Amino acid sequence: MEKIAITTEFIKLDAFLKFASLVGTGGEAKLVIADGLVGVNGETCTLRGKKLRPGDRVDFQGAVYEVTGA
């Protein structure tokens, strides 16, 4: 599991995918989220504005990423 540190209270799911370099563009993030290819805390998430806070886990392309505080 890779840990991704954020310096804010939360980060939106689409921004997280870009921030962690898992996708190249916001448009690509929107598509993979809408297609149900991203999981948050063990459940498929199709809300690109989902707020992620430290402790949340994101599943994408067979890997798990944990959001941590700075």
N, C-alpha and C. Protein backbone atom coordinates (compact mmCIF):
# COMPACT_ATOMS: atom_id res chain seq x y z
N MET A 1 0.85 -1.17 0.00
CA MET A 1 0.00 0.00 0.00
C MET A 1 0.90 1.24 0.00
N GLU A 2 0.61 2.13 -0.93
CA GLU A 2 1.37 3.38 -1.01
C GLU A 2 0.64 4.48 -0.25
N LYS A 3 1.38 5.26 0.49
CA LYS A 3 0.77 6.36 1.26
C LYS A 3 0.97 7.67 0.48
N ILE A 4 -0.11 8.44 0.35
CA ILE A 4 -0.09 9.72 -0.34
C ILE A 4 -0.45 10.79 0.68
N ALA A 5 0.48 11.70 0.97
CA ALA A 5 0.26 12.73 1.97
C ALA A 5 -0.38 13.98 1.36
N ILE A 6 -1.40 14.48 2.03
CA ILE A 6 -2.03 15.73 1.62
C ILE A 6 -1.79 16.76 2.72
N THR A 7 -1.80 18.03 2.34
CA THR A 7 -1.53 19.09 3.31
C THR A 7 -2.78 19.88 3.66
N THR A 8 -3.93 19.43 3.16
CA THR A 8 -5.20 20.10 3.43
C THR A 8 -6.09 19.17 4.24
N GLU A 9 -7.24 19.68 4.67
CA GLU A 9 -8.17 18.86 5.47
C GLU A 9 -8.71 17.69 4.67
N PHE A 10 -8.97 17.92 3.39
CA PHE A 10 -9.48 16.86 2.51
C PHE A 10 -9.04 17.15 1.08
N ILE A 11 -9.21 16.14 0.22
CA ILE A 11 -8.97 16.29 -1.21
C ILE A 11 -10.08 15.54 -1.93
N LYS A 12 -10.58 16.10 -3.01
CA LYS A 12 -11.63 15.43 -3.76
C LYS A 12 -11.03 14.29 -4.57
N LEU A 13 -11.84 13.27 -4.80
CA LEU A 13 -11.36 12.05 -5.44
C LEU A 13 -10.72 12.31 -6.79
N ASP A 14 -11.35 13.13 -7.63
CA ASP A 14 -10.75 13.37 -8.95
C ASP A 14 -9.41 14.08 -8.82
N ALA A 15 -9.31 15.03 -7.89
CA ALA A 15 -8.04 15.73 -7.67
C ALA A 15 -6.99 14.79 -7.09
N PHE A 16 -7.42 13.85 -6.25
CA PHE A 16 -6.48 12.88 -5.67
C PHE A 16 -5.85 12.03 -6.77
N LEU A 17 -6.65 11.58 -7.71
CA LEU A 17 -6.12 10.75 -8.79
C LEU A 17 -5.05 11.50 -9.58
N LYS A 18 -5.28 12.78 -9.82
CA LYS A 18 -4.28 13.59 -10.52
C LYS A 18 -3.07 13.85 -9.63
N PHE A 19 -3.32 14.22 -8.36
CA PHE A 19 -2.25 14.52 -7.42
C PHE A 19 -1.29 13.34 -7.25
N ALA A 20 -1.85 12.14 -7.21
CA ALA A 20 -1.04 10.93 -7.02
C ALA A 20 -0.47 10.41 -8.34
N SER A 21 -0.70 11.15 -9.44
CA SER A 21 -0.22 10.77 -10.78
C SER A 21 -0.76 9.43 -11.25
N LEU A 22 -1.99 9.12 -10.86
CA LEU A 22 -2.63 7.87 -11.28
C LEU A 22 -3.32 8.06 -12.62
N VAL A 23 -3.66 9.30 -12.95
CA VAL A 23 -4.22 9.66 -14.25
C VAL A 23 -3.50 10.92 -14.71
N GLY A 24 -3.59 11.20 -16.03
CA GLY A 24 -2.88 12.35 -16.56
C GLY A 24 -3.67 13.64 -16.54
N THR A 25 -5.00 13.54 -16.64
CA THR A 25 -5.82 14.74 -16.74
C THR A 25 -7.08 14.61 -15.89
N GLY A 26 -7.72 15.76 -15.64
CA GLY A 26 -8.99 15.75 -14.92
C GLY A 26 -10.06 15.01 -15.70
N GLY A 27 -10.02 15.13 -17.02
CA GLY A 27 -10.98 14.41 -17.86
C GLY A 27 -10.83 12.91 -17.74
N GLU A 28 -9.60 12.45 -17.68
CA GLU A 28 -9.36 11.01 -17.51
C GLU A 28 -9.85 10.56 -16.13
N ALA A 29 -9.62 11.39 -15.11
CA ALA A 29 -10.10 11.06 -13.76
C ALA A 29 -11.62 10.93 -13.77
N LYS A 30 -12.29 11.88 -14.41
CA LYS A 30 -13.75 11.87 -14.49
C LYS A 30 -14.24 10.57 -15.13
N LEU A 31 -13.59 10.14 -16.19
CA LEU A 31 -14.01 8.92 -16.90
C LEU A 31 -13.81 7.66 -16.07
N VAL A 32 -12.65 7.51 -15.44
CA VAL A 32 -12.41 6.27 -14.68
C VAL A 32 -13.32 6.20 -13.46
N ILE A 33 -13.64 7.36 -12.87
CA ILE A 33 -14.55 7.37 -11.73
C ILE A 33 -15.96 7.03 -12.20
N ALA A 34 -16.42 7.67 -13.28
CA ALA A 34 -17.77 7.42 -13.80
C ALA A 34 -17.94 5.97 -14.25
N ASP A 35 -16.86 5.35 -14.73
CA ASP A 35 -16.93 3.96 -15.18
C ASP A 35 -16.85 2.95 -14.03
N GLY A 36 -16.76 3.45 -12.79
CA GLY A 36 -16.75 2.55 -11.64
C GLY A 36 -15.44 1.82 -11.44
N LEU A 37 -14.34 2.41 -11.90
CA LEU A 37 -13.04 1.74 -11.81
C LEU A 37 -12.25 2.12 -10.56
N VAL A 38 -12.85 2.96 -9.70
CA VAL A 38 -12.15 3.43 -8.50
C VAL A 38 -12.96 3.03 -7.27
N GLY A 39 -12.26 2.53 -6.27
CA GLY A 39 -12.90 2.18 -5.00
C GLY A 39 -12.40 3.08 -3.89
N VAL A 40 -13.28 3.39 -2.95
CA VAL A 40 -12.91 4.17 -1.78
C VAL A 40 -13.35 3.38 -0.55
N ASN A 41 -12.39 3.05 0.30
CA ASN A 41 -12.65 2.30 1.53
C ASN A 41 -13.42 0.99 1.26
N GLY A 42 -13.02 0.31 0.19
CA GLY A 42 -13.58 -1.00 -0.11
C GLY A 42 -14.86 -1.01 -0.92
N GLU A 43 -15.38 0.16 -1.30
CA GLU A 43 -16.60 0.23 -2.09
C GLU A 43 -16.37 1.03 -3.36
N THR A 44 -16.99 0.61 -4.46
CA THR A 44 -16.89 1.35 -5.70
C THR A 44 -17.48 2.74 -5.51
N CYS A 45 -16.78 3.74 -6.02
CA CYS A 45 -17.23 5.12 -5.86
C CYS A 45 -17.32 5.79 -7.23
N THR A 46 -18.48 6.34 -7.54
CA THR A 46 -18.67 7.04 -8.81
C THR A 46 -18.87 8.54 -8.61
N LEU A 47 -18.57 9.03 -7.41
CA LEU A 47 -18.70 10.46 -7.11
C LEU A 47 -17.32 11.11 -7.21
N ARG A 48 -17.09 11.87 -8.27
CA ARG A 48 -15.75 12.45 -8.43
C ARG A 48 -15.45 13.52 -7.39
N GLY A 49 -16.50 14.10 -6.78
CA GLY A 49 -16.31 15.10 -5.75
C GLY A 49 -16.23 14.52 -4.35
N LYS A 50 -16.17 13.19 -4.22
CA LYS A 50 -16.07 12.53 -2.92
C LYS A 50 -14.87 13.09 -2.15
N LYS A 51 -15.10 13.54 -0.94
CA LYS A 51 -14.03 14.11 -0.13
C LYS A 51 -13.25 13.00 0.57
N LEU A 52 -11.96 12.99 0.35
CA LEU A 52 -11.07 12.02 0.98
C LEU A 52 -10.32 12.72 2.10
N ARG A 53 -10.25 12.06 3.23
CA ARG A 53 -9.54 12.60 4.39
C ARG A 53 -8.47 11.59 4.82
N PRO A 54 -7.50 12.03 5.61
CA PRO A 54 -6.48 11.07 6.08
C PRO A 54 -7.13 9.82 6.69
N GLY A 55 -6.60 8.68 6.29
CA GLY A 55 -7.14 7.39 6.74
C GLY A 55 -7.97 6.70 5.67
N ASP A 56 -8.47 7.46 4.68
CA ASP A 56 -9.24 6.85 3.59
C ASP A 56 -8.30 6.09 2.67
N ARG A 57 -8.85 5.06 2.04
CA ARG A 57 -8.06 4.24 1.11
C ARG A 57 -8.72 4.24 -0.26
N VAL A 58 -7.91 4.37 -1.27
CA VAL A 58 -8.38 4.39 -2.65
C VAL A 58 -7.80 3.18 -3.37
N ASP A 59 -8.69 2.41 -4.03
CA ASP A 59 -8.27 1.26 -4.83
C ASP A 59 -8.37 1.65 -6.30
N PHE A 60 -7.28 1.45 -7.04
CA PHE A 60 -7.28 1.78 -8.46
C PHE A 60 -6.27 0.91 -9.19
N GLN A 61 -6.72 0.24 -10.23
CA GLN A 61 -5.88 -0.62 -11.07
C GLN A 61 -5.09 -1.64 -10.26
N GLY A 62 -5.76 -2.25 -9.29
CA GLY A 62 -5.14 -3.32 -8.52
C GLY A 62 -4.21 -2.88 -7.39
N ALA A 63 -4.09 -1.58 -7.19
CA ALA A 63 -3.23 -1.07 -6.11
C ALA A 63 -4.07 -0.30 -5.11
N VAL A 64 -3.56 -0.19 -3.88
CA VAL A 64 -4.26 0.52 -2.81
C VAL A 64 -3.39 1.70 -2.38
N TYR A 65 -4.04 2.85 -2.24
CA TYR A 65 -3.36 4.09 -1.83
C TYR A 65 -4.05 4.61 -0.59
N GLU A 66 -3.27 4.94 0.43
CA GLU A 66 -3.85 5.49 1.65
C GLU A 66 -3.55 6.98 1.74
N VAL A 67 -4.60 7.74 2.04
CA VAL A 67 -4.45 9.18 2.21
C VAL A 67 -3.93 9.43 3.62
N THR A 68 -2.85 10.19 3.72
CA THR A 68 -2.29 10.53 5.04
C THR A 68 -2.15 12.04 5.16
N GLY A 69 -2.07 12.52 6.37
CA GLY A 69 -1.84 13.93 6.62
C GLY A 69 -0.36 14.25 6.45
N ALA A 70 -0.05 15.51 6.28
CA ALA A 70 1.34 15.92 6.08
C ALA A 70 2.17 15.78 7.34
